[in-house]
Amino acid sequence: MSETARGGTERPRGALPRVVLSDLVKEYVVEAIMSGTLKPGERIVESALARQLGVSQAPVREAIRDLVLMGFLETEPYKGTSVRSFTPEELWEVYTVRAALESLAARLAARRLQEEDVERLADILEAMVQAGHDGDVDRMTRLDNQFHETILQIAGNKILYQLWLTLKFGYWTIVTARKSSFDLEMLARRHQELLEALKTRDPAKAAQAMRRHIEDLGKPPGENNLVDSLEEIVGEPETAM
């Protein structure tokens, strides 16, 4: 079946508007991986994905490149690009790297925090909690990412901020929200501890709170955490026919 796009043209049902750029393509692919629509080992064909989404190949090519960098996809010579098969240990590595970077950001931000920064973070947190209460996972994860990005901006270290943007840890927030055993509102309220630690203006307390905030959701396998609940999406790679 098809839908009528603005201007009367037809596009396949589920296709994205042509104005969508690489970020929305990335969100689509990440969601497909998290939902199991795309299986570990499944090939990603640039031209086919572009046709499916109703976009040109350029934003798809950019999205694939970024998703390889982020670790969701992998590329092998003569085999092309496919969905990466994660082990719980590899997922833990993602959380430890993120915790190291963002705890440094929190340490720096604590020294620079102004009252207007506190108000901005509090407003984001309030909206995040409401989104979690409403069960709006998309809005909640975007606000979660905005909260963390705001701390990176307050920190004032351009190299650290650029590295964080390059690694695009915000997409792992989608993983957390969709696969954690915690409810959305609880995930949102966990940020209150971060805000309180930052308000002390104590760099060590802020860094410790950030590290705990991230690592508690991704402790090594066997410690009753998010990584364990993600085992359902690790699976075995599909074998080529």
C-alpha atoms as a PDB file:
ATOM      1  CA  MET A   1       0.000   0.000   0.000  1.00  0.00           C
ATOM      2  CA  SER A   2       1.059   3.587  -0.412  1.00  0.00           C
ATOM      3  CA  GLU A   3       0.456   6.993   1.078  1.00  0.00           C
ATOM      4  CA  THR A   4      -0.051  10.265  -0.716  1.00  0.00           C
ATOM      5  CA  ALA A   5       2.755  12.685   0.030  1.00  0.00           C
ATOM      6  CA  ARG A   6       2.401  16.462  -0.051  1.00  0.00           C
ATOM      7  CA  GLY A   7       1.956  17.503  -3.667  1.00  0.00           C
ATOM      8  CA  GLY A   8      -0.024  14.392  -4.580  1.00  0.00           C
ATOM      9  CA  THR A   9       2.877  12.019  -5.272  1.00  0.00           C
ATOM     10  CA  GLU A  10       2.778   8.464  -4.004  1.00  0.00           C
ATOM     11  CA  ARG A  11       5.354   6.894  -1.708  1.00  0.00           C
ATOM     12  CA  PRO A  12       5.440   3.434  -0.084  1.00  0.00           C
ATOM     13  CA  ARG A  13       3.673   3.155   3.270  1.00  0.00           C
ATOM     14  CA  GLY A  14       6.190   3.792   6.026  1.00  0.00           C
ATOM     15  CA  ALA A  15       8.456   5.868   3.809  1.00  0.00           C
ATOM     16  CA  LEU A  16      10.004   8.941   5.405  1.00  0.00           C
ATOM     17  CA  PRO A  17       9.429  12.413   3.902  1.00  0.00           C
ATOM     18  CA  ARG A  18      12.190  13.472   1.529  1.00  0.00           C
ATOM     19  CA  VAL A  19      13.173  16.334   3.815  1.00  0.00           C
ATOM     20  CA  VAL A  20      14.527  13.813   6.329  1.00  0.00           C
ATOM     21  CA  LEU A  21      18.310  13.906   6.710  1.00  0.00           C
ATOM     22  CA  SER A  22      20.809  11.383   8.000  1.00  0.00           C
ATOM     23  CA  ASP A  23      19.898  11.775  11.688  1.00  0.00           C
ATOM     24  CA  LEU A  24      16.370  10.502  11.127  1.00  0.00           C
ATOM     25  CA  VAL A  25      17.689   7.682   8.962  1.00  0.00           C
ATOM     26  CA  LYS A  26      19.966   6.725  11.852  1.00  0.00           C
ATOM     27  CA  GLU A  27      17.032   6.803  14.275  1.00  0.00           C
ATOM     28  CA  TYR A  28      15.078   4.540  11.929  1.00  0.00           C
ATOM     29  CA  VAL A  29      17.901   1.989  11.689  1.00  0.00           C
ATOM     30  CA  VAL A  30      18.587   2.019  15.443  1.00  0.00           C
ATOM     31  CA  GLU A  31      14.877   1.508  16.150  1.00  0.00           C
ATOM     32  CA  ALA A  32      14.779  -1.373  13.639  1.00  0.00           C
ATOM     33  CA  ILE A  33      17.745  -2.999  15.371  1.00  0.00           C
ATOM     34  CA  MET A  34      16.230  -2.531  18.839  1.00  0.00           C
ATOM     35  CA  SER A  35      12.856  -3.907  17.768  1.00  0.00           C
ATOM     36  CA  GLY A  36      14.415  -6.925  16.078  1.00  0.00           C
ATOM     37  CA  THR A  37      13.260  -5.917  12.600  1.00  0.00           C
ATOM     38  CA  LEU A  38      16.931  -5.872  11.619  1.00  0.00           C
ATOM     39  CA  LYS A  39      18.702  -8.965  12.955  1.00  0.00           C
ATOM     40  CA  PRO A  40      22.377  -9.367  13.940  1.00  0.00           C
ATOM     41  CA  GLY A  41      24.332 -10.206  10.801  1.00  0.00           C
ATOM     42  CA  GLU A  42      21.649  -8.901   8.429  1.00  0.00           C
ATOM     43  CA  ARG A  43      23.056  -6.962   5.491  1.00  0.00           C
ATOM     44  CA  ILE A  44      22.273  -3.274   5.040  1.00  0.00           C
ATOM     45  CA  VAL A  45      22.036  -2.323   1.367  1.00  0.00           C
ATOM     46  CA  GLU A  46      22.307   1.421   0.850  1.00  0.00           C
ATOM     47  CA  SER A  47      20.180   1.616  -2.311  1.00  0.00           C
ATOM     48  CA  ALA A  48      17.431  -0.613  -0.898  1.00  0.00           C
ATOM     49  CA  LEU A  49      17.244   1.348   2.363  1.00  0.00           C
ATOM     50  CA  ALA A  50      17.081   4.624   0.432  1.00  0.00           C
ATOM     51  CA  ARG A  51      14.158   3.332  -1.645  1.00  0.00           C
ATOM     52  CA  GLN A  52      12.392   2.021   1.461  1.00  0.00           C
ATOM     53  CA  LEU A  53      12.618   5.387   3.214  1.00  0.00           C
ATOM     54  CA  GLY A  54      11.933   7.507   0.150  1.00  0.00           C
ATOM     55  CA  VAL A  55      15.205   9.442   0.403  1.00  0.00           C
ATOM     56  CA  SER A  56      18.287   9.788  -1.753  1.00  0.00           C
ATOM     57  CA  GLN A  57      21.307   7.595  -1.106  1.00  0.00           C
ATOM     58  CA  ALA A  58      23.400  10.484   0.229  1.00  0.00           C
ATOM     59  CA  PRO A  59      21.784  10.729   3.721  1.00  0.00           C
ATOM     60  CA  VAL A  60      21.619   6.925   3.903  1.00  0.00           C
ATOM     61  CA  ARG A  61      25.329   6.679   3.090  1.00  0.00           C
ATOM     62  CA  GLU A  62      26.096   9.247   5.804  1.00  0.00           C
ATOM     63  CA  ALA A  63      23.880   7.438   8.314  1.00  0.00           C
ATOM     64  CA  ILE A  64      25.528   4.090   7.604  1.00  0.00           C
ATOM     65  CA  ARG A  65      28.973   5.624   8.013  1.00  0.00           C
ATOM     66  CA  ASP A  66      28.007   7.099  11.389  1.00  0.00           C
ATOM     67  CA  LEU A  67      26.318   3.903  12.582  1.00  0.00           C
ATOM     68  CA  VAL A  68      29.497   1.954  11.808  1.00  0.00           C
ATOM     69  CA  LEU A  69      31.460   4.471  13.866  1.00  0.00           C
ATOM     70  CA  MET A  70      28.914   4.217  16.675  1.00  0.00           C
ATOM     71  CA  GLY A  71      29.144   0.431  16.669  1.00  0.00           C
ATOM     72  CA  PHE A  72      25.619  -0.482  15.566  1.00  0.00           C
ATOM     73  CA  LEU A  73      26.798  -1.667  12.138  1.00  0.00           C
ATOM     74  CA  GLU A  74      30.033  -3.206  10.841  1.00  0.00           C
ATOM     75  CA  THR A  75      31.649  -3.262   7.413  1.00  0.00           C
ATOM     76  CA  GLU A  76      33.795  -6.078   6.080  1.00  0.00           C
ATOM     77  CA  PRO A  77      35.694  -6.211   2.776  1.00  0.00           C
ATOM     78  CA  TYR A  78      33.784  -8.082   0.037  1.00  0.00           C
ATOM     79  CA  LYS A  79      30.840  -8.592   2.397  1.00  0.00           C
ATOM     80  CA  GLY A  80      29.450  -5.083   2.769  1.00  0.00           C
ATOM     81  CA  THR A  81      27.698  -3.603   5.779  1.00  0.00           C
ATOM     82  CA  SER A  82      25.651  -5.586   8.267  1.00  0.00           C
ATOM     83  CA  VAL A  83      24.054  -5.283  11.709  1.00  0.00           C
ATOM     84  CA  ARG A  84      26.655  -5.889  14.372  1.00  0.00           C
ATOM     85  CA  SER A  85      26.213  -8.781  16.780  1.00  0.00           C
ATOM     86  CA  PHE A  86      26.973  -7.501  20.292  1.00  0.00           C
ATOM     87  CA  THR A  87      28.178  -9.471  23.251  1.00  0.00           C
ATOM     88  CA  PRO A  88      27.195  -8.209  26.717  1.00  0.00           C
ATOM     89  CA  GLU A  89      30.877  -7.457  27.323  1.00  0.00           C
ATOM     90  CA  GLU A  90      31.016  -5.200  24.259  1.00  0.00           C
ATOM     91  CA  LEU A  91      27.929  -3.346  25.426  1.00  0.00           C
ATOM     92  CA  TRP A  92      29.610  -2.809  28.788  1.00  0.00           C
ATOM     93  CA  GLU A  93      32.576  -1.256  26.967  1.00  0.00           C
ATOM     94  CA  VAL A  94      30.249   1.357  25.461  1.00  0.00           C
ATOM     95  CA  TYR A  95      28.996   2.358  28.909  1.00  0.00           C
ATOM     96  CA  THR A  96      32.465   2.559  30.442  1.00  0.00           C
ATOM     97  CA  VAL A  97      33.724   4.844  27.673  1.00  0.00           C
ATOM     98  CA  ARG A  98      30.658   7.050  27.954  1.00  0.00           C
ATOM     99  CA  ALA A  99      31.011   7.182  31.737  1.00  0.00           C
ATOM    100  CA  ALA A 100      34.645   8.282  31.434  1.00  0.00           C
ATOM    101  CA  LEU A 101      33.879  11.086  28.992  1.00  0.00           C
ATOM    102  CA  GLU A 102      30.767  12.385  30.698  1.00  0.00           C
ATOM    103  CA  SER A 103      32.214  12.224  34.200  1.00  0.00           C
ATOM    104  CA  LEU A 104      34.978  14.518  32.955  1.00  0.00           C
ATOM    105  CA  ALA A 105      32.317  16.804  31.491  1.00  0.00           C
ATOM    106  CA  ALA A 106      30.454  16.856  34.811  1.00  0.00           C
ATOM    107  CA  ARG A 107      33.675  17.681  36.667  1.00  0.00           C
ATOM    108  CA  LEU A 108      34.321  20.639  34.353  1.00  0.00           C
ATOM    109  CA  ALA A 109      30.680  21.759  34.355  1.00  0.00           C
ATOM    110  CA  ALA A 110      30.530  21.887  38.164  1.00  0.00           C
ATOM    111  CA  ARG A 111      33.186  24.616  38.157  1.00  0.00           C
ATOM    112  CA  ARG A 112      31.376  26.704  35.546  1.00  0.00           C
ATOM    113  CA  LEU A 113      27.751  26.199  36.538  1.00  0.00           C
ATOM    114  CA  GLN A 114      25.602  29.349  36.655  1.00  0.00           C
ATOM    115  CA  GLU A 115      22.086  29.742  38.014  1.00  0.00           C
ATOM    116  CA  GLU A 116      20.673  29.995  34.516  1.00  0.00           C
ATOM    117  CA  ASP A 117      22.310  26.634  33.754  1.00  0.00           C
ATOM    118  CA  VAL A 118      20.620  25.095  36.792  1.00  0.00           C
ATOM    119  CA  GLU A 119      17.267  26.476  35.640  1.00  0.00           C
ATOM    120  CA  ARG A 120      17.793  25.142  32.116  1.00  0.00           C
ATOM    121  CA  LEU A 121      18.679  21.646  33.355  1.00  0.00           C
ATOM    122  CA  ALA A 122      15.745  21.695  35.792  1.00  0.00           C
ATOM    123  CA  ASP A 123      13.340  22.608  32.977  1.00  0.00           C
ATOM    124  CA  ILE A 124      14.655  19.776  30.800  1.00  0.00           C
ATOM    125  CA  LEU A 125      14.389  17.352  33.714  1.00  0.00           C
ATOM    126  CA  GLU A 126      10.808  18.369  34.458  1.00  0.00           C
ATOM    127  CA  ALA A 127       9.817  17.819  30.833  1.00  0.00           C
ATOM    128  CA  MET A 128      11.688  14.505  30.785  1.00  0.00           C
ATOM    129  CA  VAL A 129       9.873  13.217  33.858  1.00  0.00           C
ATOM    130  CA  GLN A 130       6.540  14.216  32.330  1.00  0.00           C
ATOM    131  CA  ALA A 131       7.402  12.411  29.090  1.00  0.00           C
ATOM    132  CA  GLY A 132       8.361   9.335  31.091  1.00  0.00           C
ATOM    133  CA  HIS A 133       5.110   9.507  33.051  1.00  0.00           C
ATOM    134  CA  ASP A 134       3.198   9.742  29.760  1.00  0.00           C
ATOM    135  CA  GLY A 135       5.069   6.757  28.339  1.00  0.00           C
ATOM    136  CA  ASP A 136       6.416   8.842  25.458  1.00  0.00           C
ATOM    137  CA  VAL A 137       9.700   7.033  24.852  1.00  0.00           C
ATOM    138  CA  ASP A 138      10.740   9.148  21.868  1.00  0.00           C
ATOM    139  CA  ARG A 139      10.314  12.461  23.678  1.00  0.00           C
ATOM    140  CA  MET A 140      11.855  11.099  26.854  1.00  0.00           C
ATOM    141  CA  THR A 141      14.993   9.874  25.084  1.00  0.00           C
ATOM    142  CA  ARG A 142      15.411  13.160  23.208  1.00  0.00           C
ATOM    143  CA  LEU A 143      15.143  15.122  26.451  1.00  0.00           C
ATOM    144  CA  ASP A 144      17.542  12.706  28.150  1.00  0.00           C
ATOM    145  CA  ASN A 145      20.049  13.356  25.387  1.00  0.00           C
ATOM    146  CA  GLN A 146      19.430  17.109  25.637  1.00  0.00           C
ATOM    147  CA  PHE A 147      20.117  17.013  29.391  1.00  0.00           C
ATOM    148  CA  HIS A 148      23.463  15.289  28.894  1.00  0.00           C
ATOM    149  CA  GLU A 149      24.403  17.475  25.941  1.00  0.00           C
ATOM    150  CA  THR A 150      23.658  20.585  27.998  1.00  0.00           C
ATOM    151  CA  ILE A 151      26.157  19.415  30.619  1.00  0.00           C
ATOM    152  CA  LEU A 152      28.750  18.936  27.863  1.00  0.00           C
ATOM    153  CA  GLN A 153      28.078  22.485  26.671  1.00  0.00           C
ATOM    154  CA  ILE A 154      28.362  23.922  30.183  1.00  0.00           C
ATOM    155  CA  ALA A 155      31.701  22.127  30.602  1.00  0.00           C
ATOM    156  CA  GLY A 156      33.152  24.431  27.951  1.00  0.00           C
ATOM    157  CA  ASN A 157      35.682  21.968  26.519  1.00  0.00           C
ATOM    158  CA  LYS A 158      35.295  22.050  22.742  1.00  0.00           C
ATOM    159  CA  ILE A 159      37.385  18.949  22.081  1.00  0.00           C
ATOM    160  CA  LEU A 160      35.457  16.902  24.652  1.00  0.00           C
ATOM    161  CA  TYR A 161      32.139  18.125  23.250  1.00  0.00           C
ATOM    162  CA  GLN A 162      33.149  17.321  19.669  1.00  0.00           C
ATOM    163  CA  LEU A 163      34.273  13.840  20.687  1.00  0.00           C
ATOM    164  CA  TRP A 164      30.941  13.254  22.425  1.00  0.00           C
ATOM    165  CA  LEU A 165      29.063  14.409  19.331  1.00  0.00           C
ATOM    166  CA  THR A 166      31.168  12.189  17.088  1.00  0.00           C
ATOM    167  CA  LEU A 167      30.508   9.089  19.187  1.00  0.00           C
ATOM    168  CA  LYS A 168      26.806  10.016  19.342  1.00  0.00           C
ATOM    169  CA  PHE A 169      26.145   8.452  22.722  1.00  0.00           C
ATOM    170  CA  GLY A 170      22.635   9.853  22.598  1.00  0.00           C
ATOM    171  CA  TYR A 171      21.621   6.927  20.423  1.00  0.00           C
ATOM    172  CA  TRP A 172      22.550   4.546  23.223  1.00  0.00           C
ATOM    173  CA  THR A 173      19.920   6.338  25.297  1.00  0.00           C
ATOM    174  CA  ILE A 174      17.397   4.716  22.954  1.00  0.00           C
ATOM    175  CA  VAL A 175      18.914   1.348  23.837  1.00  0.00           C
ATOM    176  CA  THR A 176      18.617   2.143  27.534  1.00  0.00           C
ATOM    177  CA  ALA A 177      15.017   3.328  27.345  1.00  0.00           C
ATOM    178  CA  ARG A 178      13.753   0.491  25.184  1.00  0.00           C
ATOM    179  CA  LYS A 179      15.530  -2.426  26.816  1.00  0.00           C
ATOM    180  CA  SER A 180      15.913  -1.466  30.453  1.00  0.00           C
ATOM    181  CA  SER A 181      13.742  -3.196  33.046  1.00  0.00           C
ATOM    182  CA  PHE A 182      13.194   0.227  34.656  1.00  0.00           C
ATOM    183  CA  ASP A 183      10.119   2.260  33.727  1.00  0.00           C
ATOM    184  CA  LEU A 184      10.557   5.474  31.758  1.00  0.00           C
ATOM    185  CA  GLU A 185       9.622   7.833  34.572  1.00  0.00           C
ATOM    186  CA  MET A 186      12.178   6.212  36.880  1.00  0.00           C
ATOM    187  CA  LEU A 187      14.865   6.517  34.196  1.00  0.00           C
ATOM    188  CA  ALA A 188      14.025  10.209  33.913  1.00  0.00           C
ATOM    189  CA  ARG A 189      14.002  10.830  37.684  1.00  0.00           C
ATOM    190  CA  ARG A 190      17.495   9.341  37.992  1.00  0.00           C
ATOM    191  CA  HIS A 191      18.791  12.620  36.522  1.00  0.00           C
ATOM    192  CA  GLN A 192      17.747  14.493  39.670  1.00  0.00           C
ATOM    193  CA  GLU A 193      20.774  13.092  41.494  1.00  0.00           C
ATOM    194  CA  LEU A 194      23.005  14.423  38.727  1.00  0.00           C
ATOM    195  CA  LEU A 195      21.484  17.872  38.980  1.00  0.00           C
ATOM    196  CA  GLU A 196      21.849  17.947  42.761  1.00  0.00           C
ATOM    197  CA  ALA A 197      25.510  16.912  42.507  1.00  0.00           C
ATOM    198  CA  LEU A 198      26.198  19.644  39.952  1.00  0.00           C
ATOM    199  CA  LYS A 199      24.494  22.233  42.174  1.00  0.00           C
ATOM    200  CA  THR A 200      27.066  21.576  44.906  1.00  0.00           C
ATOM    201  CA  ARG A 201      29.706  22.982  42.502  1.00  0.00           C
ATOM    202  CA  ASP A 202      31.964  20.187  43.789  1.00  0.00           C
ATOM    203  CA  PRO A 203      33.810  18.706  40.775  1.00  0.00           C
ATOM    204  CA  ALA A 204      34.521  15.374  42.478  1.00  0.00           C
ATOM    205  CA  LYS A 205      30.887  14.875  43.556  1.00  0.00           C
ATOM    206  CA  ALA A 206      29.599  15.782  40.099  1.00  0.00           C
ATOM    207  CA  ALA A 207      32.011  13.404  38.372  1.00  0.00           C
ATOM    208  CA  GLN A 208      31.168  10.567  40.756  1.00  0.00           C
ATOM    209  CA  ALA A 209      27.427  11.090  40.288  1.00  0.00           C
ATOM    210  CA  MET A 210      27.767  11.030  36.502  1.00  0.00           C
ATOM    211  CA  ARG A 211      29.893   7.896  36.490  1.00  0.00           C
ATOM    212  CA  ARG A 212      27.428   6.123  38.784  1.00  0.00           C
ATOM    213  CA  HIS A 213      24.481   7.362  36.695  1.00  0.00           C
ATOM    214  CA  ILE A 214      25.849   5.760  33.531  1.00  0.00           C
ATOM    215  CA  GLU A 215      27.623   2.663  34.854  1.00  0.00           C
ATOM    216  CA  ASP A 216      24.723   1.537  37.052  1.00  0.00           C
ATOM    217  CA  LEU A 217      22.732   0.872  33.873  1.00  0.00           C
ATOM    218  CA  GLY A 218      25.506  -1.037  32.172  1.00  0.00           C
ATOM    219  CA  LYS A 219      27.354  -3.051  34.784  1.00  0.00           C
ATOM    220  CA  PRO A 220      29.120  -6.219  33.607  1.00  0.00           C
ATOM    221  CA  PRO A 221      26.943  -9.299  32.928  1.00  0.00           C
ATOM    222  CA  GLY A 222      25.597 -11.028  36.010  1.00  0.00           C
ATOM    223  CA  GLU A 223      25.010  -7.915  38.113  1.00  0.00           C
ATOM    224  CA  ASN A 224      21.261  -7.499  37.450  1.00  0.00           C
ATOM    225  CA  ASN A 225      21.459  -4.572  35.084  1.00  0.00           C
ATOM    226  CA  LEU A 226      20.692  -3.300  31.623  1.00  0.00           C
ATOM    227  CA  VAL A 227      23.406  -5.317  29.896  1.00  0.00           C
ATOM    228  CA  ASP A 228      21.738  -8.524  31.054  1.00  0.00           C
ATOM    229  CA  SER A 229      18.374  -7.405  29.702  1.00  0.00           C
ATOM    230  CA  LEU A 230      20.013  -6.601  26.360  1.00  0.00           C
ATOM    231  CA  GLU A 231      21.081 -10.199  25.821  1.00  0.00           C
ATOM    232  CA  GLU A 232      17.820 -10.740  23.964  1.00  0.00           C
ATOM    233  CA  ILE A 233      19.064  -8.494  21.129  1.00  0.00           C
ATOM    234  CA  VAL A 234      22.591  -9.931  21.001  1.00  0.00           C
ATOM    235  CA  GLY A 235      21.629 -13.211  19.412  1.00  0.00           C
ATOM    236  CA  GLU A 236      23.627 -15.159  16.907  1.00  0.00           C
ATOM    237  CA  PRO A 237      24.496 -13.605  13.543  1.00  0.00           C
ATOM    238  CA  GLU A 238      22.441 -14.778  10.617  1.00  0.00           C
ATOM    239  CA  THR A 239      24.353 -17.171   8.423  1.00  0.00           C
ATOM    240  CA  ALA A 240      24.627 -16.311   4.772  1.00  0.00           C
ATOM    241  CA  MET A 241      22.651 -18.528   2.404  1.00  0.00           C
END
